[in-house]
Amino acid sequence: MANTRQKLAGGAVIGVAALAFYLGTQWKGPGLGGSGTGFGTTATDSAATKEVREPDLVGDEAVSVDTSKSSSGAGPEIVSIIMSYEDYLVSTTGDLTQTKVANLSEVAHAALKATGDAQGIRVRVYHKKDATVGVMDDLKRKLDQVGIPAQAIQYMDTPLE
């Protein structure tokens, strides 16, 4: 008799767990697995403008970065960044021979304007043999601060001449 009760109890537990799993995958509200962006915000609110604090890079002021994309002023598909010694050289044309020296804020603004290619790459990072480790660390930190996801950045292994 006890064996039958254990089987029924075990079956009921498995049934409840299966039902909870099914309902959990079907629920589309905010939270885990949901399509919402959180309570009180919408996707357009969070994508329109970000406030970035850069106390160690630009002083103590906040930099307002507009991340909304307009069809009339569409940015480049990919921004190329070449790290050379302690400098950043930026190309928005795809031609690595046409670059301009930029600071981290300018690099971040250019990266935010990039629309991305078919794989979602927005920033391609090259380095010369003389590039310092700190330059790479600062660039990674800055791109993370402004919201460029790591999977949208491609780091090239082979140094440029």
Protein backbone atom coordinates (compact mmCIF):
# COMPACT_ATOMS: atom_id res chain seq x y z
CA MET A 1 0.00 0.00 0.00
CA ALA A 2 2.82 2.39 0.87
CA ASN A 3 4.47 1.61 -2.45
CA THR A 4 1.36 2.75 -4.36
CA ARG A 5 1.18 5.99 -2.35
CA GLN A 6 4.85 6.72 -3.11
CA LYS A 7 4.26 6.16 -6.81
CA LEU A 8 1.23 8.46 -6.80
CA ALA A 9 3.10 11.16 -4.85
CA GLY A 10 6.11 10.91 -7.18
CA GLY A 11 3.86 11.14 -10.24
CA ALA A 12 2.07 14.17 -8.81
CA VAL A 13 5.39 15.92 -8.11
CA ILE A 14 6.61 15.24 -11.64
CA GLY A 15 3.29 16.46 -13.09
CA VAL A 16 3.37 19.69 -11.09
CA ALA A 17 7.00 20.29 -12.07
CA ALA A 18 6.20 19.71 -15.76
CA LEU A 19 3.22 22.08 -15.58
CA ALA A 20 5.33 24.75 -13.81
CA PHE A 21 8.05 24.43 -16.46
CA TYR A 22 5.53 24.71 -19.31
CA LEU A 23 3.83 27.78 -17.81
CA GLY A 24 7.22 29.36 -17.08
CA THR A 25 8.26 29.08 -20.74
CA GLN A 26 4.95 30.54 -21.91
CA TRP A 27 4.97 33.55 -19.59
CA LYS A 28 6.14 36.69 -21.48
CA GLY A 29 6.04 39.30 -18.75
CA PRO A 30 9.04 41.17 -17.32
CA GLY A 31 11.63 39.10 -15.57
CA LEU A 32 13.48 35.95 -16.47
CA GLY A 33 12.75 34.85 -20.01
CA GLY A 34 10.32 37.68 -20.64
CA SER A 35 10.35 40.18 -23.44
CA GLY A 36 10.13 43.30 -21.25
CA THR A 37 13.05 45.60 -20.53
CA GLY A 38 12.23 45.93 -16.86
CA PHE A 39 9.72 47.82 -14.75
CA GLY A 40 9.01 51.40 -15.73
CA THR A 41 11.12 51.57 -18.90
CA THR A 42 10.57 50.77 -22.51
CA ALA A 43 13.06 49.76 -25.16
CA THR A 44 12.86 53.20 -26.77
CA ASP A 45 13.43 54.98 -23.44
CA SER A 46 16.56 53.01 -22.65
CA ALA A 47 17.99 53.21 -26.18
CA ALA A 48 17.41 56.91 -26.76
CA THR A 49 20.02 58.47 -24.46
CA LYS A 50 22.59 57.18 -22.02
CA GLU A 51 24.37 59.23 -19.40
CA VAL A 52 27.96 58.10 -19.03
CA ARG A 53 30.14 59.11 -16.10
CA GLU A 54 33.82 59.32 -16.96
CA PRO A 55 35.58 60.71 -13.90
CA ASP A 56 38.94 59.10 -14.64
CA LEU A 57 39.00 59.86 -18.37
CA VAL A 58 37.42 63.26 -19.03
CA GLY A 59 37.24 64.97 -15.69
CA ASP A 60 34.19 64.89 -13.47
CA GLU A 61 31.51 65.91 -15.96
CA ALA A 62 28.89 63.57 -17.42
CA VAL A 63 28.90 63.02 -21.15
CA SER A 64 25.51 62.63 -22.81
CA VAL A 65 25.69 60.15 -25.65
CA ASP A 66 22.83 59.88 -28.13
CA THR A 67 22.49 56.25 -29.20
CA SER A 68 19.32 56.51 -31.25
CA LYS A 69 19.82 55.88 -34.94
CA SER A 70 18.13 58.09 -37.48
CA SER A 71 17.75 57.05 -41.08
CA SER A 72 18.94 60.40 -42.40
CA GLY A 73 22.21 60.47 -40.43
CA ALA A 74 23.07 56.80 -40.45
CA GLY A 75 26.59 56.13 -39.26
CA PRO A 76 29.17 53.80 -40.73
CA GLU A 77 28.61 50.06 -40.68
CA ILE A 78 31.87 49.34 -38.82
CA VAL A 79 34.31 51.64 -37.07
CA SER A 80 37.94 50.54 -37.28
CA ILE A 81 40.26 51.46 -34.42
CA ILE A 82 44.02 51.12 -34.61
CA MET A 83 45.93 51.27 -31.35
CA SER A 84 49.43 52.65 -31.81
CA TYR A 85 51.61 53.22 -28.73
CA GLU A 86 49.22 55.29 -26.58
CA ASP A 87 47.10 56.65 -29.44
CA TYR A 88 43.82 55.64 -31.04
CA LEU A 89 43.47 56.03 -34.79
CA VAL A 90 39.86 55.85 -36.02
CA SER A 91 38.56 55.06 -39.50
CA THR A 92 34.87 55.25 -40.33
CA THR A 93 35.39 54.55 -44.04
CA GLY A 94 36.76 51.00 -43.79
CA ASP A 95 40.08 52.17 -45.27
CA LEU A 96 42.81 51.77 -42.65
CA THR A 97 45.02 54.29 -44.45
CA GLN A 98 42.43 57.02 -43.81
CA THR A 99 42.44 57.46 -40.03
CA LYS A 100 42.40 60.32 -37.59
CA VAL A 101 43.82 60.46 -34.07
CA ALA A 102 41.03 60.41 -31.48
CA ASN A 103 40.66 60.36 -27.70
CA LEU A 104 38.57 57.74 -25.89
CA SER A 105 35.40 59.86 -25.92
CA GLU A 106 35.64 60.37 -29.67
CA VAL A 107 36.25 56.64 -30.14
CA ALA A 108 33.13 55.89 -28.07
CA HIS A 109 31.00 58.35 -30.04
CA ALA A 110 32.15 56.81 -33.33
CA ALA A 111 31.42 53.29 -32.04
CA LEU A 112 27.92 54.28 -30.95
CA LYS A 113 27.16 55.68 -34.42
CA ALA A 114 28.19 52.42 -36.13
CA THR A 115 25.24 50.40 -37.39
CA GLY A 116 26.97 46.99 -37.47
CA ASP A 117 27.47 44.42 -40.21
CA ALA A 118 25.44 41.26 -40.85
CA GLN A 119 27.14 39.51 -37.90
CA GLY A 120 26.50 42.43 -35.56
CA ILE A 121 30.12 43.65 -35.50
CA ARG A 122 30.20 47.41 -34.88
CA VAL A 123 33.85 47.92 -33.88
CA ARG A 124 36.96 46.25 -35.31
CA VAL A 125 40.11 46.79 -33.23
CA TYR A 126 43.60 46.53 -34.69
CA HIS A 127 46.90 47.13 -32.93
CA LYS A 128 50.45 47.92 -33.89
CA LYS A 129 53.41 46.19 -32.25
CA ASP A 130 54.14 49.28 -30.15
CA ALA A 131 50.63 49.49 -28.63
CA THR A 132 50.64 49.42 -24.84
CA VAL A 133 48.50 47.08 -22.73
CA GLY A 134 46.92 50.02 -20.93
CA VAL A 135 45.56 51.40 -24.20
CA MET A 136 43.68 48.14 -24.81
CA ASP A 137 42.36 48.02 -21.24
CA ASP A 138 41.15 51.64 -21.41
CA LEU A 139 39.42 50.98 -24.74
CA LYS A 140 37.63 47.87 -23.44
CA ARG A 141 36.50 49.72 -20.32
CA LYS A 142 35.27 52.73 -22.32
CA LEU A 143 33.30 50.67 -24.85
CA ASP A 144 31.70 48.74 -21.99
CA GLN A 145 30.80 52.02 -20.20
CA VAL A 146 28.92 53.36 -23.22
CA GLY A 147 27.06 50.10 -23.78
CA ILE A 148 28.81 48.48 -26.73
CA PRO A 149 28.35 44.74 -26.12
CA ALA A 150 31.47 42.57 -26.18
CA GLN A 151 30.04 40.46 -29.02
CA ALA A 152 29.85 43.60 -31.21
CA ILE A 153 33.63 44.12 -30.96
CA GLN A 154 36.13 42.16 -33.05
CA TYR A 155 39.75 42.18 -31.91
CA MET A 156 42.26 41.37 -34.63
CA ASP A 157 45.15 39.16 -33.44
CA THR A 158 47.82 40.00 -36.00
CA PRO A 159 49.62 43.32 -35.37
CA LEU A 160 49.71 45.89 -38.17
CA GLU A 161 53.04 47.13 -39.48
